[in-house]
Every structure is written in C-alpha cells, then in structure tokens.
Amino acid sequence: MRAGKLDRRVVIQRQGAAADNGYTTAPGAWATYCTRWASWKPSNGREVFENQGNEAKAGGTFWLRYDSQTSGIETTDAVQFDGRRWQIVGIQQLGRRGGVELIVVAEG
C-alpha cells in the first residue's frame, strides 16, 4: 500500500460498555479506538425502501495499513470521517498483513 494514497485522516471509534441502572440499559459512549491515515473511495449512492419510505444511503470503502490495532477493528466499531459517523458493514484483510479494507455506510 503506497503512502501517497493514504491521504485521509480517520478515527476508529468503539462504543463503551452499556450502563444498567436497574430499570433500563443505556448504550455506552463512543470513544476513540485509534486514528489512522486511510485511502477513501465512495461508492455509488443507492435507495433503500423501508415501509413506504425512501432512505438514501451513502457508502464507500476505506483502506488502512495493517497493524496491531487495525487488525482488531470489529463490525461493531464506527469510522469518524468528514464530519460523519460511518457504520462498518464489512472488514477484509488485504493479503498477508498488507492492509485492512473497511466497507462502510453513513449513519443517519
């Protein structure tokens, strides 16, 4: 993976442990897991039809270098990039420790 292609700064976030007060369970707060340089390729937009409504989904792919932290990224994590939070829907290892590919869709 060429360093010149890694021109975007992304923050991988992980959600903290849920808090249970005896009546309800509140999800934990998002915290930074790691910050890395990445390459970004947006995908074509698509329409998702749900219960008589349309919802536009933006998505794309991030490529990151492989290291001890990027190898631990999970689909429950999120990517903060360009003022948006992106949900990770797929993770692939590129080659033998060559890199990590994250397939994402925008939240909200």
Protein backbone atom coordinates (compact mmCIF):
# COMPACT_ATOMS: atom_id res chain seq x y z
CA MET A 1 0.00 0.00 0.00
CA ARG A 2 1.57 3.27 -1.12
CA ALA A 3 1.81 6.06 1.44
CA GLY A 4 0.74 8.71 -1.11
CA LYS A 5 -2.68 7.09 -1.45
CA LEU A 6 -3.33 7.32 2.31
CA ASP A 7 -4.46 10.95 2.26
CA ARG A 8 -7.47 10.94 4.62
CA ARG A 9 -7.36 11.02 8.41
CA VAL A 10 -9.96 8.75 10.03
CA VAL A 11 -10.84 7.98 13.63
CA ILE A 12 -11.98 4.46 14.51
CA GLN A 13 -14.42 4.62 17.42
CA ARG A 14 -15.56 1.89 19.76
CA GLN A 15 -18.67 2.01 21.93
CA GLY A 16 -18.14 1.71 25.66
CA ALA A 17 -19.85 -0.75 27.96
CA ALA A 18 -23.58 -0.34 28.48
CA ALA A 19 -24.74 1.22 31.75
CA ASP A 20 -27.53 -0.54 33.63
CA ASN A 21 -29.30 1.47 36.35
CA GLY A 22 -31.70 -1.33 37.33
CA TYR A 23 -34.58 -0.06 35.16
CA THR A 24 -33.07 0.48 31.74
CA THR A 25 -29.84 -0.17 29.93
CA ALA A 26 -28.24 2.82 28.20
CA PRO A 27 -25.64 2.26 25.49
CA GLY A 28 -22.09 3.31 26.31
CA ALA A 29 -20.46 6.45 24.90
CA TRP A 30 -18.31 6.33 21.76
CA ALA A 31 -14.56 6.63 22.42
CA THR A 32 -11.54 6.76 20.11
CA TYR A 33 -10.01 3.33 19.45
CA CYS A 34 -7.32 4.53 17.04
CA THR A 35 -6.57 7.27 14.49
CA ARG A 36 -5.02 6.32 11.16
CA TRP A 37 -4.31 7.58 7.65
CA ALA A 38 -6.57 5.94 5.07
CA SER A 39 -7.50 5.89 1.43
CA TRP A 40 -11.17 6.56 0.60
CA LYS A 41 -13.32 5.54 -2.34
CA PRO A 42 -17.02 6.49 -2.25
CA SER A 43 -19.49 4.07 -3.78
CA ASN A 44 -22.50 4.93 -5.87
CA GLY A 45 -25.48 6.03 -3.77
CA ARG A 46 -28.46 3.71 -3.51
CA GLU A 47 -32.03 3.96 -2.37
CA VAL A 48 -33.35 1.71 0.36
CA PHE A 49 -37.12 1.30 0.57
CA GLU A 50 -38.47 0.65 4.04
CA ASN A 51 -42.15 0.57 4.96
CA GLN A 52 -43.43 3.02 2.32
CA GLY A 53 -40.48 5.40 2.71
CA ASN A 54 -37.26 6.08 0.88
CA GLU A 55 -33.91 6.37 2.57
CA ALA A 56 -30.77 7.35 0.70
CA LYS A 57 -27.62 5.57 1.82
CA ALA A 58 -24.12 6.86 1.22
CA GLY A 59 -21.31 4.35 1.40
CA GLY A 60 -17.78 3.58 0.39
CA THR A 61 -14.57 1.82 1.24
CA PHE A 62 -11.59 2.78 3.41
CA TRP A 63 -8.18 1.15 3.10
CA LEU A 64 -5.81 1.29 6.09
CA ARG A 65 -2.37 -0.13 6.76
CA TYR A 66 -2.26 -3.33 8.77
CA ASP A 67 -1.00 -3.05 12.36
CA SER A 68 -1.89 -4.44 15.78
CA GLN A 69 -4.79 -2.01 16.23
CA THR A 70 -6.27 -2.05 12.72
CA SER A 71 -6.27 -5.86 12.83
CA GLY A 72 -8.56 -5.59 15.88
CA ILE A 73 -11.25 -3.45 14.22
CA GLU A 74 -14.72 -5.03 14.50
CA THR A 75 -18.02 -4.50 12.68
CA THR A 76 -19.46 -3.03 15.88
CA ASP A 77 -16.96 -0.16 15.63
CA ALA A 78 -17.54 3.03 13.62
CA VAL A 79 -15.42 5.35 11.47
CA GLN A 80 -15.50 9.12 12.03
CA PHE A 81 -14.60 10.88 8.78
CA ASP A 82 -15.50 14.17 7.13
CA GLY A 83 -17.86 15.19 9.94
CA ARG A 84 -19.92 11.98 9.71
CA ARG A 85 -20.02 8.67 11.52
CA TRP A 86 -19.80 5.67 9.21
CA GLN A 87 -21.04 2.22 10.26
CA ILE A 88 -18.72 -0.65 9.34
CA VAL A 89 -20.60 -3.36 7.44
CA GLY A 90 -17.64 -5.41 6.23
CA ILE A 91 -13.96 -5.96 7.02
CA GLN A 92 -11.38 -7.70 4.86
CA GLN A 93 -7.69 -8.29 5.36
CA LEU A 94 -5.71 -7.46 2.21
CA GLY A 95 -3.02 -10.01 1.50
CA ARG A 96 -0.85 -11.24 4.31
CA ARG A 97 -0.77 -8.22 6.63
CA GLY A 98 -0.88 -5.91 3.62
CA GLY A 99 -3.78 -3.78 4.80
CA VAL A 100 -7.34 -3.68 6.06
CA GLU A 101 -10.38 -2.83 3.93
CA LEU A 102 -13.44 -1.37 5.68
CA ILE A 103 -16.76 -1.27 3.81
CA VAL A 104 -18.93 1.43 5.37
CA VAL A 105 -22.33 3.16 5.13
CA ALA A 106 -23.18 6.56 6.59
CA GLU A 107 -25.30 6.67 9.74
CA GLY A 108 -28.40 8.82 9.87
